[in-house]
């Protein structure tokens, strides 16, 4: 078997011309739109990657800001609590001091009142003693009293005075 290989140049030239025509047709109708689509898609991807990077940077900044705000808020909260605690301690101390002053005033008033009552009781007793002494003296002077009557008067006097 022998192969005869002859090149038909007209067929080769026509094939090359057909190929070139096909290439230009494909380039005009297919390559340009496909290249444009690929370029547009690549630009979209690049934009999305850029946007994602920017969003990531922003989110990291926001996280840092929020952590700082949280830290500051905690410190402010502690300061506020400490301030209110100090104020409450002062108010409590004032209330206790006022109560102690009021209690001391009540005690002082009670002492003064007790002293008045004691003085009044002394005065009442003195008046009763004087009245009884006058009564005893008037009875003694009304008549002569024997020793037995005299003892009885003294015992009555002692009983009335409460000595």
Protein backbone atom coordinates (compact mmCIF):
# COMPACT_ATOMS: atom_id res chain seq x y z
CA UNK A 1 0.00 0.00 0.00
CA UNK A 2 1.27 3.15 -1.04
CA UNK A 3 0.11 6.46 -0.16
CA UNK A 4 0.22 9.12 -2.63
CA UNK A 5 0.58 12.42 -1.07
CA UNK A 6 0.13 15.22 -3.28
CA UNK A 7 -0.69 18.64 -2.12
CA UNK A 8 -3.40 20.39 -3.92
CA UNK A 9 -2.42 23.97 -3.61
CA UNK A 10 -5.72 25.37 -4.57
CA UNK A 11 -7.38 23.47 -1.78
CA UNK A 12 -4.74 24.69 0.66
CA UNK A 13 -5.15 28.31 -0.42
CA UNK A 14 -8.93 28.09 -0.31
CA UNK A 15 -8.71 26.48 3.13
CA UNK A 16 -6.39 29.24 4.37
CA UNK A 17 -8.71 31.92 2.94
CA UNK A 18 -11.67 30.18 4.55
CA UNK A 19 -9.80 30.01 7.83
CA UNK A 20 -8.92 33.73 7.70
CA UNK A 21 -12.52 34.66 6.87
CA UNK A 22 -13.76 32.40 9.65
CA UNK A 23 -11.22 33.96 12.03
CA UNK A 24 -12.40 37.52 11.24
CA UNK A 25 -16.05 36.53 11.49
CA UNK A 26 -15.42 34.81 14.80
CA UNK A 27 -13.29 37.73 15.98
CA UNK A 28 -15.98 40.20 15.10
CA UNK A 29 -18.99 38.26 16.39
CA UNK A 30 -17.53 35.97 19.01
CA UNK A 31 -14.10 36.99 20.36
CA UNK A 32 -14.95 40.63 21.06
CA UNK A 33 -18.18 39.89 23.00
CA UNK A 34 -16.52 37.02 24.85
CA UNK A 35 -13.48 39.20 25.65
CA UNK A 36 -15.78 42.03 26.74
CA UNK A 37 -17.74 39.62 28.93
CA UNK A 38 -14.53 38.21 30.43
CA UNK A 39 -13.15 41.72 31.00
CA UNK A 40 -16.41 42.89 32.59
CA UNK A 41 -16.51 39.80 34.78
CA UNK A 42 -12.88 40.33 35.82
CA UNK A 43 -13.64 43.96 36.69
CA UNK A 44 -16.68 42.89 38.76
CA UNK A 45 -14.57 40.35 40.62
CA UNK A 46 -11.83 42.95 41.22
CA UNK A 47 -14.43 45.44 42.48
CA UNK A 48 -15.96 42.85 44.78
CA UNK A 49 -12.53 41.91 46.14
CA UNK A 50 -11.69 45.60 46.67
CA UNK A 51 -15.07 46.19 48.35
CA UNK A 52 -14.60 43.12 50.54
CA UNK A 53 -11.14 44.35 51.57
CA UNK A 54 -12.52 47.80 52.37
CA UNK A 55 -15.40 46.28 54.33
CA UNK A 56 -12.97 44.08 56.23
CA UNK A 57 -10.85 47.12 57.14
CA UNK A 58 -13.97 49.05 58.18
CA UNK A 59 -15.23 46.14 60.27
CA UNK A 60 -11.83 45.83 61.99
CA UNK A 61 -11.92 49.55 62.73
CA UNK A 62 -15.48 49.27 64.03
CA UNK A 63 -14.54 46.30 66.22
CA UNK A 64 -11.62 48.29 67.62
CA UNK A 65 -13.86 51.33 68.20
CA UNK A 66 -16.54 49.21 69.86
CA UNK A 67 -13.99 47.53 72.10
CA UNK A 68 -12.67 50.95 73.10
CA UNK A 69 -16.21 52.22 73.72
CA UNK A 70 -17.00 49.14 75.78
CA UNK A 71 -13.84 49.63 77.82
CA UNK A 72 -14.68 53.31 78.36
CA UNK A 73 -18.27 52.43 79.24
CA UNK A 74 -17.11 49.93 81.84
CA UNK A 75 -14.77 52.50 83.36
CA UNK A 76 -17.50 55.15 83.38
CA UNK A 77 -19.92 52.65 84.92
CA UNK A 78 -17.44 51.84 87.67
CA UNK A 79 -16.88 55.54 88.28
CA UNK A 80 -20.62 56.21 88.43
CA UNK A 81 -21.18 53.29 90.81
CA UNK A 82 -18.31 54.48 93.01
CA UNK A 83 -19.68 58.02 92.99
CA UNK A 84 -23.17 56.86 93.97
CA UNK A 85 -21.69 54.61 96.63
CA UNK A 86 -19.80 57.57 98.09
CA UNK A 87 -22.94 59.71 97.96
CA UNK A 88 -24.96 56.95 99.63
CA UNK A 89 -22.31 56.62 102.34
CA UNK A 90 -22.45 60.37 102.96
CA UNK A 91 -26.24 60.33 103.09
CA UNK A 92 -26.17 57.35 105.44
CA UNK A 93 -23.60 59.08 107.63
CA UNK A 94 -25.72 62.25 107.69
CA UNK A 95 -28.81 60.25 108.63
CA UNK A 96 -26.95 58.49 111.44
CA UNK A 97 -25.52 61.80 112.69
CA UNK A 98 -28.95 63.43 112.58
CA UNK A 99 -30.47 60.48 114.42
CA UNK A 100 -27.75 60.66 117.07
CA UNK A 101 -28.31 64.40 117.48
CA UNK A 102 -32.07 63.86 117.74
CA UNK A 103 -31.57 61.07 120.27
CA UNK A 104 -29.25 63.30 122.30
CA UNK A 105 -31.84 66.09 122.21
CA UNK A 106 -34.52 63.67 123.39
CA UNK A 107 -32.25 62.47 126.19
CA UNK A 108 -31.44 66.05 127.20
CA UNK A 109 -35.13 66.96 127.20
CA UNK A 110 -35.93 63.85 129.21
CA UNK A 111 -33.21 64.75 131.74
CA UNK A 112 -34.52 68.29 132.02
CA UNK A 113 -38.08 67.00 132.39
CA UNK A 114 -36.99 64.44 135.01
CA UNK A 115 -35.14 67.17 136.88
CA UNK A 116 -38.26 69.35 136.80
CA UNK A 117 -40.40 66.49 138.04
CA UNK A 118 -37.91 65.75 140.80
CA UNK A 119 -37.81 69.39 141.82
CA UNK A 120 -41.61 69.53 141.71
CA UNK A 121 -41.80 66.36 143.83
CA UNK A 122 -39.31 67.89 146.30
CA UNK A 123 -41.39 71.04 146.46
CA UNK A 124 -44.57 68.99 146.97
CA UNK A 125 -42.91 66.96 149.72
CA UNK A 126 -41.60 70.12 151.38
CA UNK A 127 -45.06 71.65 151.24
CA UNK A 128 -46.60 68.50 152.70
CA UNK A 129 -43.92 68.37 155.42
CA UNK A 130 -44.57 71.99 156.25
CA UNK A 131 -48.34 71.41 156.28
CA UNK A 132 -47.93 68.36 158.48
CA UNK A 133 -45.52 70.16 160.76
CA UNK A 134 -48.01 72.98 161.07
CA UNK A 135 -50.78 70.52 161.75
CA UNK A 136 -48.71 68.73 164.36
CA UNK A 137 -47.66 72.01 165.91
CA UNK A 138 -51.21 73.33 165.98
CA UNK A 139 -52.45 70.15 167.66
CA UNK A 140 -49.55 70.30 170.07
CA UNK A 141 -50.33 73.86 170.86
CA UNK A 142 -54.07 73.32 171.22
CA UNK A 143 -53.62 71.46 174.31
CA UNK A 144 -51.18 69.71 176.28
CA UNK A 145 -50.29 66.39 174.95
CA UNK A 146 -49.09 63.49 176.88
CA UNK A 147 -46.22 61.35 175.70
CA UNK A 148 -48.47 58.76 174.16
CA UNK A 149 -50.34 61.34 172.07
CA UNK A 150 -47.07 62.91 171.10
CA UNK A 151 -45.76 59.54 169.81
CA UNK A 152 -48.97 58.94 167.94
CA UNK A 153 -48.70 62.35 166.22
CA UNK A 154 -45.09 61.64 165.21
CA UNK A 155 -46.04 58.22 163.85
CA UNK A 156 -48.92 59.77 161.86
CA UNK A 157 -46.56 62.41 160.60
CA UNK A 158 -44.02 59.80 159.53
CA UNK A 159 -46.75 57.74 157.88
CA UNK A 160 -48.03 60.74 155.90
CA UNK A 161 -44.54 61.91 154.89
CA UNK A 162 -43.53 58.39 153.92
CA UNK A 163 -40.16 58.37 155.60
